[in-house]
């Protein structure tokens, strides 16, 4: 029989439908994900209404597949964690409604999870886990921030982006370069064939104190430098210069934050955390003795349910029997508080 800490996680905050099962004694038992990227590619970005409809059509079968892969039945689940925000409100409501219905049918407890907390805790799914406290860089399509993490629910934001998130800047710049959606990974692949040094862009806000970010100007710089008849090599050179500017900026700011806080552990989370060039820069920082570096595996950097299941397990003391569905399109991370009793 599964332990009392067997949690089903459900993620539907944007354009991935995902489910996972985490057990307090046996770890991650199964995780399944369906990406809607191909469907949204026709529109050059996520269409919220289409995303919600696709979640609704897939979530039942996907959860059944996940439970089967874990060797469990619905009655074996002790708690159901679902992404309650931030995200697309229609998509969030689909996941929340399904979770609430399944909880009512099985007697499992409901656990609303903050999506960003899931990302911050994703490295806990790895064999090499960071100990609290640590510094965290959360870098994705919707968020870029540096936070001090003293425990589950104990987060202090030290710096955020003033405009575009790093992942958003990747996607917008990819579109300027004529790359298909989703643009960020496409730009990184194009940059692999770029020639270093042909173009160079500023490292935004690194010439002044503070830990804030700004990436919107880099997009404009690429547009200004892009010839109307740019060939593939020129676009690759621009992609490389852009990627270097973004990843250098992130590394410089994190190095500064480590010195200011005195912390010696850095967690990198979020979709951009899968970027190879960024990981190489942080690996070099680790070799220089600046900090121990911790990453989630690439598949757990992007949106996934494994991190939601783990966060739900850590917050099981807050689980509810019945009640309404929590769904918040906007949900500041600093509003979170520590759980009554953390399993983590």
Foldseek 3Di string as FASTA:
>chain_A
DADLLWEWFFEQQFFKTKIWIQGLVPGTQFIDIDGCQVVCLVVLDGDLVVSLVVNLVPNVVRSVVRCVSSVHDLLPHQAYEYAQDQGRQSRNVSRLVVRLVSCVVRVHFYHHDHQVLLQVCLLVSDPDHDDPFAWEFQAEQQWTWIWTRRDRQDIDTFETEPDGTPCVLQCLLQVLLVHIPPRNVVLLVLLVLEDPPPDADAQPPLVDDGLYHYRPVLSVVLNVVDDPPDDSRRSNNSSNNSVCSDLVNVLSSVLVVCVVVVGAEYEYAAQCLQRPVNVVSVVVCVVVVSHHYTYRHNVRRYDTRSSSSQSCSQQVLPTHRRDDGRHHNDDDSNPGHHHPGGPD
